[in-house]
């Protein structure tokens, strides 16, 4: 029997299995602030995948169900900021990533970039921009492809530079 990660699972009688491959544990744990960002990314990703209004989905996610914990207030704030500025953010990302239009980006990267841009442009003091970029790069490392952290870093650095120029 194989699980979704293609690792063998023991049978009911507990027979031994041959280990085909292993996945190392990630020693870095996400901070509570990063987990709040990830929850906001989840909402942005889901709204994008379902082609659903971001604020309508946010309202659904703010209600508590038996299957999930309520969305943290900080996550809801980030999603609200993104919803208010998504058109502007998408234009900025499209202009800065000429060779990678938004629709060609992996959906997770798109959600990470949108939320990171929203936080950088509309919610972070200038002295905190580097830390925010670093947090989203770490999140990309955890959630997306091997090349995503470099891509996310490059675009969010450009967004931060624009923000610094604007003051």
N, C-alpha and C. Protein backbone atom coordinates (compact mmCIF):
# COMPACT_ATOMS: atom_id res chain seq x y z
N UNK A 1 0.85 -1.17 0.00
CA UNK A 1 0.00 0.00 0.00
C UNK A 1 0.90 1.24 0.00
N UNK A 2 0.56 2.28 -0.80
CA UNK A 2 1.36 3.50 -0.87
C UNK A 2 0.51 4.70 -0.50
N UNK A 3 1.15 5.65 0.15
CA UNK A 3 0.42 6.87 0.48
C UNK A 3 0.63 7.91 -0.62
N UNK A 4 0.01 9.09 -0.53
CA UNK A 4 0.14 10.10 -1.60
C UNK A 4 1.58 10.55 -1.84
N UNK A 5 2.45 10.43 -0.87
CA UNK A 5 3.85 10.82 -1.06
C UNK A 5 4.69 9.68 -1.59
N UNK A 6 4.05 8.58 -1.94
CA UNK A 6 4.71 7.39 -2.46
C UNK A 6 5.62 6.72 -1.44
N UNK A 7 5.31 6.89 -0.17
CA UNK A 7 6.04 6.18 0.86
C UNK A 7 5.24 4.93 1.23
N UNK A 8 5.90 3.80 1.43
CA UNK A 8 5.17 2.60 1.79
C UNK A 8 4.61 2.70 3.19
N UNK A 9 3.43 2.17 3.38
CA UNK A 9 2.80 2.16 4.69
C UNK A 9 2.70 0.72 5.17
N UNK A 10 2.85 0.52 6.46
CA UNK A 10 2.71 -0.86 6.96
C UNK A 10 1.27 -1.32 6.83
N UNK A 11 1.10 -2.60 6.69
CA UNK A 11 -0.24 -3.17 6.63
C UNK A 11 -0.84 -3.23 8.02
N UNK A 12 -2.03 -3.75 8.11
CA UNK A 12 -2.74 -3.83 9.39
C UNK A 12 -2.02 -4.71 10.40
N UNK A 13 -1.37 -5.75 9.93
CA UNK A 13 -0.69 -6.66 10.83
C UNK A 13 0.67 -6.14 11.25
N UNK A 14 1.09 -5.00 10.78
CA UNK A 14 2.33 -4.38 11.20
C UNK A 14 3.57 -4.97 10.55
N UNK A 15 3.39 -5.60 9.35
CA UNK A 15 4.58 -6.15 8.70
C UNK A 15 5.56 -5.04 8.35
N UNK A 16 6.80 -5.40 8.22
CA UNK A 16 7.83 -4.42 7.91
C UNK A 16 7.73 -3.98 6.46
N UNK A 17 8.13 -2.76 6.21
CA UNK A 17 8.12 -2.23 4.86
C UNK A 17 9.51 -1.78 4.50
N UNK A 18 9.80 -1.79 3.22
CA UNK A 18 11.08 -1.29 2.73
C UNK A 18 10.95 0.22 2.52
N UNK A 19 11.89 0.97 3.04
CA UNK A 19 11.87 2.42 2.88
C UNK A 19 12.41 2.77 1.51
N UNK A 20 11.57 3.34 0.66
CA UNK A 20 11.97 3.68 -0.70
C UNK A 20 12.64 5.04 -0.78
N UNK A 21 12.11 6.01 -0.05
CA UNK A 21 12.73 7.32 0.02
C UNK A 21 12.25 8.01 1.28
N UNK A 22 13.02 8.99 1.70
CA UNK A 22 12.64 9.71 2.91
C UNK A 22 12.60 11.20 2.62
N UNK A 23 11.86 11.89 3.43
CA UNK A 23 11.75 13.34 3.32
C UNK A 23 12.30 13.93 4.62
N UNK A 24 13.37 14.71 4.52
CA UNK A 24 13.95 15.25 5.75
C UNK A 24 13.00 16.24 6.42
N UNK A 25 13.00 16.23 7.73
CA UNK A 25 12.20 17.19 8.47
C UNK A 25 12.82 18.57 8.31
N UNK A 26 11.98 19.55 8.18
CA UNK A 26 12.48 20.91 8.05
C UNK A 26 12.74 21.45 9.45
N UNK A 27 14.00 21.79 9.73
CA UNK A 27 14.31 22.27 11.08
C UNK A 27 13.74 23.66 11.37
N UNK A 28 13.49 24.42 10.32
CA UNK A 28 12.94 25.76 10.53
C UNK A 28 11.43 25.67 10.72
N UNK A 29 10.99 26.23 11.78
CA UNK A 29 9.55 26.28 12.01
C UNK A 29 9.08 27.69 11.71
N UNK A 30 7.91 27.78 11.14
CA UNK A 30 7.36 29.10 10.82
C UNK A 30 6.95 29.81 12.10
N UNK A 31 7.21 31.09 12.15
CA UNK A 31 6.80 31.88 13.30
C UNK A 31 5.28 32.02 13.30
N UNK A 32 4.73 32.49 14.39
CA UNK A 32 3.27 32.68 14.44
C UNK A 32 2.85 33.72 13.41
N UNK A 33 3.68 34.73 13.20
CA UNK A 33 3.38 35.76 12.19
C UNK A 33 3.37 35.14 10.80
N UNK A 34 4.32 34.23 10.53
CA UNK A 34 4.36 33.55 9.23
C UNK A 34 3.13 32.66 9.05
N UNK A 35 2.72 31.99 10.11
CA UNK A 35 1.53 31.14 10.00
C UNK A 35 0.28 31.97 9.69
N UNK A 36 0.22 33.19 10.25
CA UNK A 36 -0.89 34.08 9.93
C UNK A 36 -0.84 34.48 8.46
N UNK A 37 0.36 34.71 7.96
CA UNK A 37 0.51 35.03 6.54
C UNK A 37 0.12 33.84 5.67
N UNK A 38 0.50 32.65 6.07
CA UNK A 38 0.14 31.44 5.31
C UNK A 38 -1.37 31.27 5.27
N UNK A 39 -2.05 31.53 6.37
CA UNK A 39 -3.51 31.43 6.36
C UNK A 39 -4.12 32.44 5.40
N UNK A 40 -3.56 33.64 5.32
CA UNK A 40 -4.04 34.64 4.36
C UNK A 40 -3.76 34.17 2.93
N UNK A 41 -2.59 33.60 2.71
CA UNK A 41 -2.24 33.06 1.39
C UNK A 41 -3.21 31.96 1.00
N UNK A 42 -3.60 31.13 1.95
CA UNK A 42 -4.58 30.07 1.68
C UNK A 42 -5.89 30.65 1.14
N UNK A 43 -6.35 31.73 1.75
CA UNK A 43 -7.60 32.36 1.31
C UNK A 43 -7.42 32.94 -0.10
N UNK A 44 -6.31 33.64 -0.32
CA UNK A 44 -6.07 34.23 -1.65
C UNK A 44 -5.95 33.13 -2.71
N UNK A 45 -5.26 32.05 -2.37
CA UNK A 45 -5.11 30.93 -3.30
C UNK A 45 -6.47 30.30 -3.62
N UNK A 46 -7.26 30.06 -2.59
CA UNK A 46 -8.57 29.44 -2.79
C UNK A 46 -9.49 30.33 -3.62
N UNK A 47 -9.51 31.62 -3.35
CA UNK A 47 -10.34 32.54 -4.12
C UNK A 47 -9.92 32.54 -5.58
N UNK A 48 -8.62 32.51 -5.83
CA UNK A 48 -8.09 32.48 -7.19
C UNK A 48 -8.48 31.17 -7.88
N UNK A 49 -8.30 30.06 -7.19
CA UNK A 49 -8.59 28.75 -7.78
C UNK A 49 -10.07 28.57 -8.07
N UNK A 50 -10.91 29.09 -7.20
CA UNK A 50 -12.36 28.94 -7.37
C UNK A 50 -12.97 30.08 -8.19
N UNK A 51 -12.16 31.05 -8.58
CA UNK A 51 -12.61 32.27 -9.26
C UNK A 51 -13.78 32.86 -8.46
N UNK A 52 -13.48 33.12 -7.20
CA UNK A 52 -14.48 33.61 -6.26
C UNK A 52 -14.02 34.95 -5.71
N UNK A 53 -14.97 35.77 -5.31
CA UNK A 53 -14.66 37.07 -4.73
C UNK A 53 -13.88 36.88 -3.43
N UNK A 54 -12.79 37.60 -3.31
CA UNK A 54 -11.90 37.46 -2.16
C UNK A 54 -12.60 37.78 -0.84
N UNK A 55 -13.36 38.86 -0.80
CA UNK A 55 -14.02 39.24 0.44
C UNK A 55 -15.16 38.29 0.81
N UNK A 56 -15.85 37.75 -0.19
CA UNK A 56 -16.90 36.77 0.09
C UNK A 56 -16.30 35.50 0.68
N UNK A 57 -15.19 35.06 0.12
CA UNK A 57 -14.52 33.87 0.66
C UNK A 57 -13.97 34.16 2.06
N UNK A 58 -13.44 35.34 2.26
CA UNK A 58 -12.94 35.72 3.58
C UNK A 58 -14.06 35.62 4.62
N UNK A 59 -15.23 36.11 4.28
CA UNK A 59 -16.36 36.03 5.21
C UNK A 59 -16.68 34.58 5.56
N UNK A 60 -16.62 33.69 4.58
CA UNK A 60 -16.85 32.27 4.84
C UNK A 60 -15.77 31.71 5.76
N UNK A 61 -14.53 32.07 5.53
CA UNK A 61 -13.42 31.52 6.30
C UNK A 61 -13.35 32.08 7.72
N UNK A 62 -14.00 33.19 7.96
CA UNK A 62 -13.97 33.77 9.31
C UNK A 62 -14.91 33.06 10.25
N UNK A 63 -15.84 32.29 9.71
CA UNK A 63 -16.73 31.52 10.57
C UNK A 63 -16.02 30.24 10.98
N UNK A 64 -16.22 29.84 12.17
CA UNK A 64 -15.54 28.65 12.69
C UNK A 64 -16.36 27.41 12.38
N UNK A 65 -15.70 26.40 11.89
CA UNK A 65 -16.34 25.11 11.67
C UNK A 65 -15.60 24.08 12.50
N UNK A 66 -16.15 22.90 12.60
CA UNK A 66 -15.50 21.83 13.36
C UNK A 66 -14.20 21.41 12.68
N UNK A 67 -14.10 21.62 11.38
CA UNK A 67 -12.94 21.15 10.62
C UNK A 67 -11.75 22.10 10.66
N UNK A 68 -11.96 23.34 11.05
CA UNK A 68 -10.84 24.29 11.01
C UNK A 68 -10.94 25.30 12.13
N UNK A 69 -9.80 25.87 12.46
CA UNK A 69 -9.78 26.93 13.46
C UNK A 69 -10.17 28.24 12.77
N UNK A 70 -10.68 29.19 13.53
CA UNK A 70 -11.05 30.46 12.90
C UNK A 70 -9.82 31.15 12.32
N UNK A 71 -10.06 31.91 11.30
CA UNK A 71 -8.99 32.66 10.64
C UNK A 71 -8.48 33.73 11.60
N UNK A 72 -7.17 33.80 11.83
CA UNK A 72 -6.65 34.85 12.73
C UNK A 72 -6.98 36.24 12.21
N UNK A 73 -7.12 37.17 13.12
CA UNK A 73 -7.46 38.55 12.76
C UNK A 73 -6.43 39.15 11.81
N UNK A 74 -5.16 38.89 12.05
CA UNK A 74 -4.11 39.43 11.19
C UNK A 74 -4.24 38.89 9.77
N UNK A 75 -4.58 37.62 9.64
CA UNK A 75 -4.78 37.02 8.31
C UNK A 75 -5.92 37.72 7.59
N UNK A 76 -7.00 37.95 8.31
CA UNK A 76 -8.16 38.64 7.71
C UNK A 76 -7.79 40.05 7.29
N UNK A 77 -6.97 40.75 8.10
CA UNK A 77 -6.54 42.11 7.73
C UNK A 77 -5.74 42.09 6.43
N UNK A 78 -4.83 41.12 6.29
CA UNK A 78 -4.02 41.04 5.08
C UNK A 78 -4.88 40.76 3.85
N UNK A 79 -5.85 39.86 3.99
CA UNK A 79 -6.74 39.56 2.87
C UNK A 79 -7.57 40.79 2.50
N UNK A 80 -8.02 41.53 3.49
CA UNK A 80 -8.80 42.75 3.25
C UNK A 80 -7.96 43.79 2.51
N UNK A 81 -6.71 43.93 2.91
CA UNK A 81 -5.81 44.87 2.23
C UNK A 81 -5.62 44.44 0.78
N UNK A 82 -5.39 43.14 0.56
CA UNK A 82 -5.23 42.64 -0.80
C UNK A 82 -6.48 42.91 -1.63
N UNK A 83 -7.65 42.64 -1.07
CA UNK A 83 -8.90 42.84 -1.81
C UNK A 83 -9.06 44.30 -2.22
N UNK A 84 -8.67 45.22 -1.35
CA UNK A 84 -8.82 46.65 -1.65
C UNK A 84 -7.86 47.13 -2.74
N UNK A 85 -6.75 46.41 -2.93
CA UNK A 85 -5.71 46.90 -3.85
C UNK A 85 -5.29 45.87 -4.90
N UNK A 86 -6.08 44.81 -5.09
CA UNK A 86 -5.64 43.73 -5.97
C UNK A 86 -5.39 44.16 -7.40
N UNK A 87 -6.21 45.02 -7.95
CA UNK A 87 -6.00 45.49 -9.32
C UNK A 87 -4.65 46.18 -9.48
N UNK A 88 -4.37 47.09 -8.58
CA UNK A 88 -3.08 47.81 -8.59
C UNK A 88 -1.91 46.84 -8.38
N UNK A 89 -2.05 45.91 -7.46
CA UNK A 89 -0.98 44.95 -7.17
C UNK A 89 -0.74 44.05 -8.38
N UNK A 90 -1.81 43.56 -8.99
CA UNK A 90 -1.65 42.71 -10.18
C UNK A 90 -0.96 43.47 -11.32
N UNK A 91 -1.31 44.74 -11.51
CA UNK A 91 -0.65 45.55 -12.53
C UNK A 91 0.84 45.69 -12.24
N UNK A 92 1.16 45.96 -10.99
CA UNK A 92 2.56 46.14 -10.59
C UNK A 92 3.35 44.84 -10.80
N UNK A 93 2.78 43.72 -10.36
CA UNK A 93 3.46 42.44 -10.54
C UNK A 93 3.62 42.10 -12.02
N UNK A 94 2.61 42.36 -12.81
CA UNK A 94 2.69 42.10 -14.25
C UNK A 94 3.78 42.94 -14.91
N UNK A 95 3.88 44.19 -14.51
CA UNK A 95 4.89 45.08 -15.09
C UNK A 95 6.30 44.64 -14.70
N UNK A 96 6.46 44.16 -13.47
CA UNK A 96 7.79 43.79 -12.99
C UNK A 96 8.23 42.40 -13.44
N UNK A 97 7.29 41.56 -13.78
CA UNK A 97 7.62 40.19 -14.20
C UNK A 97 7.25 40.01 -15.67
N UNK A 98 7.87 40.80 -16.51
CA UNK A 98 7.53 40.84 -17.93
C UNK A 98 7.47 39.46 -18.57
N UNK A 99 8.44 38.60 -18.26
CA UNK A 99 8.50 37.29 -18.90
C UNK A 99 7.57 36.27 -18.27
N UNK A 100 7.00 36.60 -17.11
CA UNK A 100 6.09 35.69 -16.42
C UNK A 100 4.78 36.39 -16.10
N UNK A 101 3.85 36.41 -17.06
CA UNK A 101 2.55 37.02 -16.74
C UNK A 101 1.89 36.26 -15.58
N UNK A 102 1.04 36.95 -14.88
CA UNK A 102 0.39 36.37 -13.70
C UNK A 102 -0.25 35.02 -13.99
N UNK A 103 -0.92 34.89 -15.12
CA UNK A 103 -1.63 33.64 -15.39
C UNK A 103 -0.68 32.46 -15.63
N UNK A 104 0.60 32.72 -15.91
CA UNK A 104 1.57 31.65 -16.11
C UNK A 104 2.31 31.26 -14.84
N UNK A 105 2.21 32.09 -13.81
CA UNK A 105 2.88 31.79 -12.54
C UNK A 105 2.17 30.64 -11.85
N UNK A 106 2.91 29.83 -11.10
CA UNK A 106 2.23 28.84 -10.26
C UNK A 106 1.26 29.56 -9.32
N UNK A 107 0.11 28.98 -9.11
CA UNK A 107 -0.93 29.63 -8.31
C UNK A 107 -0.46 29.96 -6.90
N UNK A 108 0.34 29.10 -6.31
CA UNK A 108 0.84 29.38 -4.96
C UNK A 108 1.75 30.60 -4.98
N UNK A 109 2.64 30.67 -5.97
CA UNK A 109 3.52 31.84 -6.08
C UNK A 109 2.72 33.12 -6.28
N UNK A 110 1.68 33.03 -7.09
CA UNK A 110 0.83 34.20 -7.35
C UNK A 110 0.20 34.68 -6.04
N UNK A 111 -0.30 33.76 -5.24
CA UNK A 111 -0.91 34.14 -3.97
C UNK A 111 0.12 34.72 -3.02
N UNK A 112 1.30 34.12 -2.96
CA UNK A 112 2.38 34.63 -2.10
C UNK A 112 2.77 36.04 -2.54
N UNK A 113 2.95 36.23 -3.83
CA UNK A 113 3.36 37.54 -4.35
C UNK A 113 2.29 38.60 -4.12
N UNK A 114 1.04 38.23 -4.30
CA UNK A 114 -0.04 39.21 -4.09
C UNK A 114 -0.09 39.65 -2.63
N UNK A 115 -0.06 38.68 -1.71
CA UNK A 115 -0.12 39.03 -0.29
C UNK A 115 1.13 39.78 0.15
N UNK A 116 2.30 39.34 -0.31
CA UNK A 116 3.53 40.03 0.03
C UNK A 116 3.52 41.46 -0.48
N UNK A 117 3.07 41.64 -1.70
CA UNK A 117 2.99 43.00 -2.27
C UNK A 117 2.01 43.86 -1.49
N UNK A 118 0.87 43.30 -1.13
CA UNK A 118 -0.13 44.06 -0.36
C UNK A 118 0.46 44.51 0.96
N UNK A 119 1.16 43.61 1.63
CA UNK A 119 1.74 43.96 2.93
C UNK A 119 2.85 45.00 2.77
N UNK A 120 3.69 44.84 1.76
CA UNK A 120 4.80 45.77 1.54
C UNK A 120 4.29 47.16 1.15
N UNK A 121 3.33 47.21 0.24
CA UNK A 121 2.86 48.49 -0.28
C UNK A 121 1.90 49.22 0.65
N UNK A 122 1.14 48.48 1.46
CA UNK A 122 0.04 49.12 2.18
C UNK A 122 -0.01 48.85 3.68
N UNK A 123 1.00 48.14 4.23
CA UNK A 123 0.85 47.79 5.64
C UNK A 123 2.16 47.74 6.42
N UNK A 124 3.26 48.07 5.81
CA UNK A 124 4.55 47.91 6.50
C UNK A 124 5.31 49.22 6.51
N UNK A 125 5.84 49.60 7.67
CA UNK A 125 6.70 50.79 7.69
C UNK A 125 7.97 50.52 6.87
N UNK A 126 8.57 51.56 6.34
CA UNK A 126 9.74 51.41 5.48
C UNK A 126 10.85 50.59 6.13
N UNK A 127 11.07 50.77 7.42
CA UNK A 127 12.16 50.05 8.08
C UNK A 127 11.88 48.55 8.22
N UNK A 128 10.67 48.13 7.99
CA UNK A 128 10.34 46.71 8.12
C UNK A 128 10.23 45.96 6.81
N UNK A 129 10.51 46.62 5.70
CA UNK A 129 10.31 45.99 4.39
C UNK A 129 11.19 44.76 4.18
N UNK A 130 12.44 44.83 4.57
CA UNK A 130 13.35 43.70 4.39
C UNK A 130 12.89 42.46 5.13
N UNK A 131 12.40 42.65 6.34
CA UNK A 131 11.92 41.52 7.14
C UNK A 131 10.69 40.87 6.49
N UNK A 132 9.81 41.70 5.95
CA UNK A 132 8.61 41.17 5.31
C UNK A 132 8.99 40.38 4.05
N UNK A 133 9.90 40.92 3.26
CA UNK A 133 10.36 40.19 2.06
C UNK A 133 10.94 38.85 2.49
N UNK A 134 11.78 38.85 3.51
CA UNK A 134 12.37 37.60 4.00
C UNK A 134 11.34 36.58 4.45
N UNK A 135 10.30 37.04 5.12
CA UNK A 135 9.24 36.13 5.58
C UNK A 135 8.54 35.46 4.39
N UNK A 136 8.23 36.23 3.36
CA UNK A 136 7.55 35.65 2.20
C UNK A 136 8.46 34.73 1.40
N UNK A 137 9.75 35.00 1.40
CA UNK A 137 10.70 34.09 0.75
C UNK A 137 10.73 32.76 1.51
N UNK A 138 10.74 32.82 2.83
CA UNK A 138 10.70 31.61 3.65
C UNK A 138 9.42 30.83 3.40
N UNK A 139 8.32 31.52 3.30
CA UNK A 139 7.03 30.87 3.02
C UNK A 139 7.07 30.20 1.65
N UNK A 140 7.63 30.88 0.66
CA UNK A 140 7.75 30.29 -0.68
C UNK A 140 8.61 29.03 -0.63
N UNK A 141 9.66 29.04 0.16
CA UNK A 141 10.53 27.88 0.31
C UNK A 141 9.73 26.70 0.88
N UNK A 142 8.82 26.98 1.78
CA UNK A 142 8.03 25.93 2.42
C UNK A 142 6.88 25.43 1.55
N UNK A 143 6.26 26.33 0.80
CA UNK A 143 5.02 25.98 0.12
C UNK A 143 5.14 25.71 -1.38
N UNK A 144 6.22 26.15 -2.01
CA UNK A 144 6.24 26.09 -3.46
C UNK A 144 7.46 25.34 -3.98
N UNK A 145 7.83 25.63 -5.20
CA UNK A 145 8.87 24.88 -5.90
C UNK A 145 10.26 25.33 -5.48
N UNK A 146 11.25 24.62 -5.93
CA UNK A 146 12.65 24.91 -5.61
C UNK A 146 13.08 26.29 -6.10
N UNK A 147 12.56 26.70 -7.26
CA UNK A 147 12.93 27.99 -7.84
C UNK A 147 12.12 29.16 -7.30
N UNK A 148 11.03 28.87 -6.62
CA UNK A 148 10.13 29.94 -6.17
C UNK A 148 10.75 30.95 -5.22
N UNK A 149 11.56 30.54 -4.24
CA UNK A 149 12.11 31.54 -3.33
C UNK A 149 12.90 32.64 -4.04
N UNK A 150 13.69 32.28 -5.04
CA UNK A 150 14.46 33.29 -5.79
C UNK A 150 13.52 34.22 -6.55
N UNK A 151 12.50 33.64 -7.18
CA UNK A 151 11.54 34.41 -7.95
C UNK A 151 10.77 35.37 -7.05
N UNK A 152 10.27 34.86 -5.93
CA UNK A 152 9.52 35.68 -4.98
C UNK A 152 10.42 36.78 -4.42
N UNK A 153 11.65 36.43 -4.07
CA UNK A 153 12.58 37.42 -3.53
C UNK A 153 12.82 38.55 -4.54
N UNK A 154 13.07 38.19 -5.79
CA UNK A 154 13.36 39.21 -6.81
C UNK A 154 12.19 40.17 -6.98
N UNK A 155 10.98 39.62 -7.11
CA UNK A 155 9.82 40.49 -7.33
C UNK A 155 9.48 41.33 -6.10
N UNK A 156 9.50 40.72 -4.92
CA UNK A 156 9.17 41.48 -3.72
C UNK A 156 10.24 42.52 -3.40
N UNK A 157 11.50 42.24 -3.73
CA UNK A 157 12.54 43.26 -3.56
C UNK A 157 12.25 44.47 -4.45
N UNK A 158 11.82 44.21 -5.67
CA UNK A 158 11.48 45.31 -6.58
C UNK A 158 10.30 46.12 -6.05
N UNK A 159 9.30 45.41 -5.54
CA UNK A 159 8.13 46.08 -4.95
C UNK A 159 8.59 46.95 -3.77
N UNK A 160 9.47 46.41 -2.93
CA UNK A 160 9.98 47.16 -1.77
C UNK A 160 10.76 48.39 -2.23
N UNK A 161 11.55 48.25 -3.29
CA UNK A 161 12.30 49.39 -3.80
C UNK A 161 11.35 50.48 -4.30
N UNK A 162 10.29 50.09 -4.97
CA UNK A 162 9.29 51.06 -5.43
C UNK A 162 8.67 51.77 -4.24
N UNK A 163 8.34 51.01 -3.21
CA UNK A 163 7.74 51.58 -1.99
C UNK A 163 8.71 52.58 -1.35
N UNK A 164 9.99 52.22 -1.30
CA UNK A 164 10.99 53.13 -0.69
C UNK A 164 11.11 54.42 -1.50
N UNK A 165 11.02 54.32 -2.82
CA UNK A 165 11.09 55.51 -3.67
C UNK A 165 9.89 56.41 -3.45
N UNK A 166 8.73 55.78 -3.20
CA UNK A 166 7.51 56.55 -2.96
C UNK A 166 7.51 57.20 -1.58
N UNK A 167 8.30 56.63 -0.68
CA UNK A 167 8.40 57.19 0.67
C UNK A 167 7.39 56.67 1.54
